[in-house]
Amino acid sequence: MKHFVFWAPEADERLQSLVRGDESDGRVVRAVREIDFWLARAPLDFGESRYDTVRVGFVTPIAVQFDVLADPPTVIVLDIWQIGRG
């Protein structure tokens, strides 16, 4: 089942800031593409459960917090941040 992926406005602003500041040769953009792939196709197989329907997923160099809704099948990205540099 494919899920609609929606970025909350605050998360989208943080994403845009991370992309603008990406000094890692596009690693942030590649990570976001991989995250979007997982969120749209198998969000419950991506990352770790936190509470209720909220999960956290990691693809270096970023992490996202997201909520998985069943009906309609939707994922809401709540937050994004940069993790380990290197």
N, C-alpha and C. Protein backbone atom coordinates (compact mmCIF):
# COMPACT_ATOMS: atom_id res chain seq x y z
N MET A 1 0.84 -1.17 0.00
CA MET A 1 0.00 0.00 0.00
C MET A 1 0.89 1.24 0.00
N LYS A 2 0.61 2.16 -0.88
CA LYS A 2 1.39 3.38 -0.95
C LYS A 2 0.79 4.45 -0.03
N HIS A 3 1.65 5.15 0.68
CA HIS A 3 1.24 6.21 1.59
C HIS A 3 1.53 7.58 0.96
N PHE A 4 0.66 8.52 1.23
CA PHE A 4 0.90 9.91 0.86
C PHE A 4 1.84 10.48 1.92
N VAL A 5 2.92 11.14 1.50
CA VAL A 5 3.88 11.71 2.44
C VAL A 5 3.70 13.22 2.46
N PHE A 6 3.41 13.75 3.64
CA PHE A 6 3.20 15.18 3.84
C PHE A 6 4.25 15.68 4.83
N TRP A 7 4.93 16.76 4.47
CA TRP A 7 5.91 17.38 5.37
C TRP A 7 5.22 18.53 6.09
N ALA A 8 5.18 18.47 7.43
CA ALA A 8 4.65 19.59 8.20
C ALA A 8 5.46 20.84 7.86
N PRO A 9 4.84 22.00 7.87
CA PRO A 9 5.55 23.23 7.47
C PRO A 9 6.87 23.45 8.21
N GLU A 10 6.91 23.19 9.51
CA GLU A 10 8.14 23.39 10.27
C GLU A 10 9.23 22.43 9.81
N ALA A 11 8.84 21.19 9.55
CA ALA A 11 9.81 20.19 9.08
C ALA A 11 10.31 20.56 7.68
N ASP A 12 9.41 21.05 6.84
CA ASP A 12 9.81 21.44 5.50
C ASP A 12 10.79 22.62 5.54
N GLU A 13 10.57 23.56 6.44
CA GLU A 13 11.50 24.69 6.59
C GLU A 13 12.88 24.19 7.03
N ARG A 14 12.91 23.27 7.98
CA ARG A 14 14.19 22.72 8.44
C ARG A 14 14.88 21.96 7.31
N LEU A 15 14.09 21.22 6.52
CA LEU A 15 14.64 20.49 5.39
C LEU A 15 15.30 21.45 4.40
N GLN A 16 14.59 22.52 4.06
CA GLN A 16 15.14 23.49 3.11
C GLN A 16 16.44 24.09 3.64
N SER A 17 16.49 24.36 4.93
CA SER A 17 17.71 24.90 5.55
C SER A 17 18.85 23.90 5.47
N LEU A 18 18.56 22.62 5.73
CA LEU A 18 19.60 21.58 5.65
C LEU A 18 20.12 21.43 4.22
N VAL A 19 19.21 21.48 3.26
CA VAL A 19 19.62 21.35 1.85
C VAL A 19 20.49 22.52 1.44
N ARG A 20 20.10 23.74 1.83
CA ARG A 20 20.90 24.92 1.49
C ARG A 20 22.29 24.86 2.12
N GLY A 21 22.38 24.30 3.32
CA GLY A 21 23.66 24.22 4.02
C GLY A 21 24.41 22.92 3.78
N ASP A 22 23.94 22.11 2.84
CA ASP A 22 24.55 20.81 2.59
C ASP A 22 25.96 20.97 2.05
N GLU A 23 26.93 20.66 2.89
CA GLU A 23 28.34 20.73 2.49
C GLU A 23 28.90 19.32 2.28
N SER A 24 28.02 18.36 2.12
CA SER A 24 28.46 16.96 2.05
C SER A 24 28.21 16.37 0.66
N ASP A 25 28.35 17.18 -0.36
CA ASP A 25 28.23 16.70 -1.74
C ASP A 25 26.88 16.04 -2.03
N GLY A 26 25.81 16.64 -1.54
CA GLY A 26 24.48 16.14 -1.85
C GLY A 26 24.00 14.99 -0.99
N ARG A 27 24.70 14.68 0.07
CA ARG A 27 24.30 13.55 0.92
C ARG A 27 22.92 13.78 1.55
N VAL A 28 22.61 15.02 1.90
CA VAL A 28 21.30 15.32 2.49
C VAL A 28 20.20 15.02 1.49
N VAL A 29 20.37 15.48 0.25
CA VAL A 29 19.36 15.25 -0.78
C VAL A 29 19.18 13.75 -1.04
N ARG A 30 20.28 13.02 -1.13
CA ARG A 30 20.18 11.57 -1.34
C ARG A 30 19.48 10.88 -0.16
N ALA A 31 19.79 11.33 1.04
CA ALA A 31 19.16 10.74 2.23
C ALA A 31 17.66 11.03 2.24
N VAL A 32 17.27 12.24 1.88
CA VAL A 32 15.84 12.59 1.85
C VAL A 32 15.12 11.76 0.80
N ARG A 33 15.73 11.54 -0.32
CA ARG A 33 15.10 10.69 -1.35
C ARG A 33 14.88 9.27 -0.83
N GLU A 34 15.87 8.73 -0.13
CA GLU A 34 15.72 7.39 0.43
C GLU A 34 14.63 7.36 1.50
N ILE A 35 14.62 8.37 2.34
CA ILE A 35 13.59 8.46 3.39
C ILE A 35 12.21 8.55 2.75
N ASP A 36 12.04 9.41 1.76
CA ASP A 36 10.74 9.52 1.08
C ASP A 36 10.31 8.19 0.47
N PHE A 37 11.27 7.46 -0.10
CA PHE A 37 10.97 6.14 -0.66
C PHE A 37 10.36 5.23 0.41
N TRP A 38 11.04 5.14 1.56
CA TRP A 38 10.56 4.27 2.64
C TRP A 38 9.23 4.74 3.19
N LEU A 39 9.08 6.04 3.38
CA LEU A 39 7.85 6.56 3.97
C LEU A 39 6.65 6.31 3.06
N ALA A 40 6.85 6.40 1.77
CA ALA A 40 5.75 6.19 0.83
C ALA A 40 5.39 4.71 0.69
N ARG A 41 6.37 3.83 0.81
CA ARG A 41 6.12 2.42 0.51
C ARG A 41 6.00 1.51 1.72
N ALA A 42 6.78 1.77 2.76
CA ALA A 42 6.75 0.87 3.92
C ALA A 42 7.14 1.62 5.20
N PRO A 43 6.35 2.60 5.60
CA PRO A 43 6.74 3.42 6.75
C PRO A 43 6.88 2.65 8.06
N LEU A 44 6.12 1.58 8.22
CA LEU A 44 6.21 0.82 9.46
C LEU A 44 7.43 -0.09 9.50
N ASP A 45 8.11 -0.24 8.37
CA ASP A 45 9.35 -1.02 8.31
C ASP A 45 10.58 -0.12 8.39
N PHE A 46 10.37 1.19 8.47
CA PHE A 46 11.47 2.15 8.49
C PHE A 46 11.60 2.74 9.88
N GLY A 47 12.80 2.74 10.41
CA GLY A 47 13.06 3.38 11.69
C GLY A 47 12.58 2.58 12.89
N GLU A 48 12.31 3.32 13.96
CA GLU A 48 11.97 2.72 15.25
C GLU A 48 10.73 3.39 15.81
N SER A 49 9.92 2.62 16.50
CA SER A 49 8.73 3.15 17.15
C SER A 49 9.13 4.02 18.34
N ARG A 50 8.39 5.10 18.54
CA ARG A 50 8.64 5.98 19.69
C ARG A 50 7.45 5.97 20.63
N TYR A 51 6.28 6.38 20.16
CA TYR A 51 5.06 6.34 20.97
C TYR A 51 3.87 6.37 20.02
N ASP A 52 2.80 5.74 20.42
CA ASP A 52 1.59 5.64 19.58
C ASP A 52 1.99 5.29 18.16
N THR A 53 1.70 6.17 17.20
CA THR A 53 2.00 5.90 15.79
C THR A 53 3.20 6.70 15.30
N VAL A 54 3.93 7.30 16.22
CA VAL A 54 5.09 8.13 15.87
C VAL A 54 6.36 7.26 15.85
N ARG A 55 7.17 7.49 14.82
CA ARG A 55 8.41 6.74 14.63
C ARG A 55 9.55 7.70 14.34
N VAL A 56 10.78 7.21 14.46
CA VAL A 56 11.97 7.96 14.11
C VAL A 56 12.78 7.09 13.16
N GLY A 57 13.24 7.71 12.06
CA GLY A 57 14.05 6.98 11.08
C GLY A 57 15.33 7.73 10.79
N PHE A 58 16.37 6.98 10.43
CA PHE A 58 17.69 7.55 10.22
C PHE A 58 18.26 7.10 8.88
N VAL A 59 18.75 8.05 8.12
CA VAL A 59 19.58 7.80 6.95
C VAL A 59 20.66 8.87 7.01
N THR A 60 21.88 8.47 7.32
CA THR A 60 22.97 9.43 7.50
C THR A 60 23.07 10.32 6.27
N PRO A 61 23.08 11.62 6.45
CA PRO A 61 23.37 12.39 7.66
C PRO A 61 22.15 13.02 8.33
N ILE A 62 20.94 12.48 8.12
CA ILE A 62 19.76 13.08 8.73
C ILE A 62 18.88 12.04 9.42
N ALA A 63 17.98 12.56 10.25
CA ALA A 63 16.97 11.75 10.91
C ALA A 63 15.64 12.47 10.80
N VAL A 64 14.55 11.71 10.81
CA VAL A 64 13.22 12.30 10.76
C VAL A 64 12.34 11.67 11.82
N GLN A 65 11.41 12.46 12.32
CA GLN A 65 10.35 11.97 13.19
C GLN A 65 9.07 12.05 12.36
N PHE A 66 8.29 10.98 12.36
CA PHE A 66 7.11 10.96 11.51
C PHE A 66 5.97 10.18 12.16
N ASP A 67 4.77 10.50 11.74
CA ASP A 67 3.56 9.87 12.24
C ASP A 67 2.92 9.10 11.10
N VAL A 68 2.54 7.85 11.35
CA VAL A 68 1.93 7.00 10.32
C VAL A 68 0.44 6.87 10.61
N LEU A 69 -0.37 7.34 9.67
CA LEU A 69 -1.83 7.27 9.80
C LEU A 69 -2.36 6.19 8.85
N ALA A 70 -3.37 5.45 9.31
CA ALA A 70 -3.87 4.32 8.54
C ALA A 70 -4.91 4.70 7.49
N ASP A 71 -5.83 5.61 7.81
CA ASP A 71 -6.94 5.89 6.91
C ASP A 71 -7.21 7.38 6.81
N PRO A 72 -6.87 7.97 5.71
CA PRO A 72 -6.20 7.41 4.55
C PRO A 72 -4.72 7.17 4.85
N PRO A 73 -4.08 6.26 4.10
CA PRO A 73 -2.67 5.95 4.36
C PRO A 73 -1.79 7.18 4.11
N THR A 74 -1.36 7.77 5.22
CA THR A 74 -0.62 9.02 5.16
C THR A 74 0.53 8.98 6.16
N VAL A 75 1.63 9.60 5.79
CA VAL A 75 2.76 9.80 6.70
C VAL A 75 2.97 11.30 6.82
N ILE A 76 3.05 11.78 8.05
CA ILE A 76 3.33 13.20 8.28
C ILE A 76 4.71 13.30 8.89
N VAL A 77 5.62 13.96 8.17
CA VAL A 77 6.97 14.19 8.70
C VAL A 77 6.87 15.38 9.65
N LEU A 78 7.19 15.13 10.91
CA LEU A 78 7.04 16.14 11.95
C LEU A 78 8.31 16.94 12.19
N ASP A 79 9.46 16.30 12.01
CA ASP A 79 10.73 16.97 12.30
C ASP A 79 11.85 16.30 11.51
N ILE A 80 12.90 17.05 11.29
CA ILE A 80 14.10 16.56 10.61
C ILE A 80 15.29 17.24 11.25
N TRP A 81 16.39 16.50 11.39
CA TRP A 81 17.60 17.09 11.94
C TRP A 81 18.81 16.34 11.41
N GLN A 82 19.94 17.01 11.54
CA GLN A 82 21.19 16.43 11.07
C GLN A 82 21.80 15.59 12.18
N ILE A 83 22.35 14.43 11.80
CA ILE A 83 23.01 13.56 12.77
C ILE A 83 24.49 13.44 12.37
N GLY A 84 25.26 12.77 13.18
CA GLY A 84 26.69 12.58 13.01
C GLY A 84 27.33 13.11 11.76
N ARG A 85 28.31 13.91 11.91
CA ARG A 85 29.07 14.44 10.78
C ARG A 85 30.24 13.53 10.49
N GLY A 86 30.59 13.46 9.21
CA GLY A 86 31.76 12.68 8.88
C GLY A 86 31.68 12.05 7.53
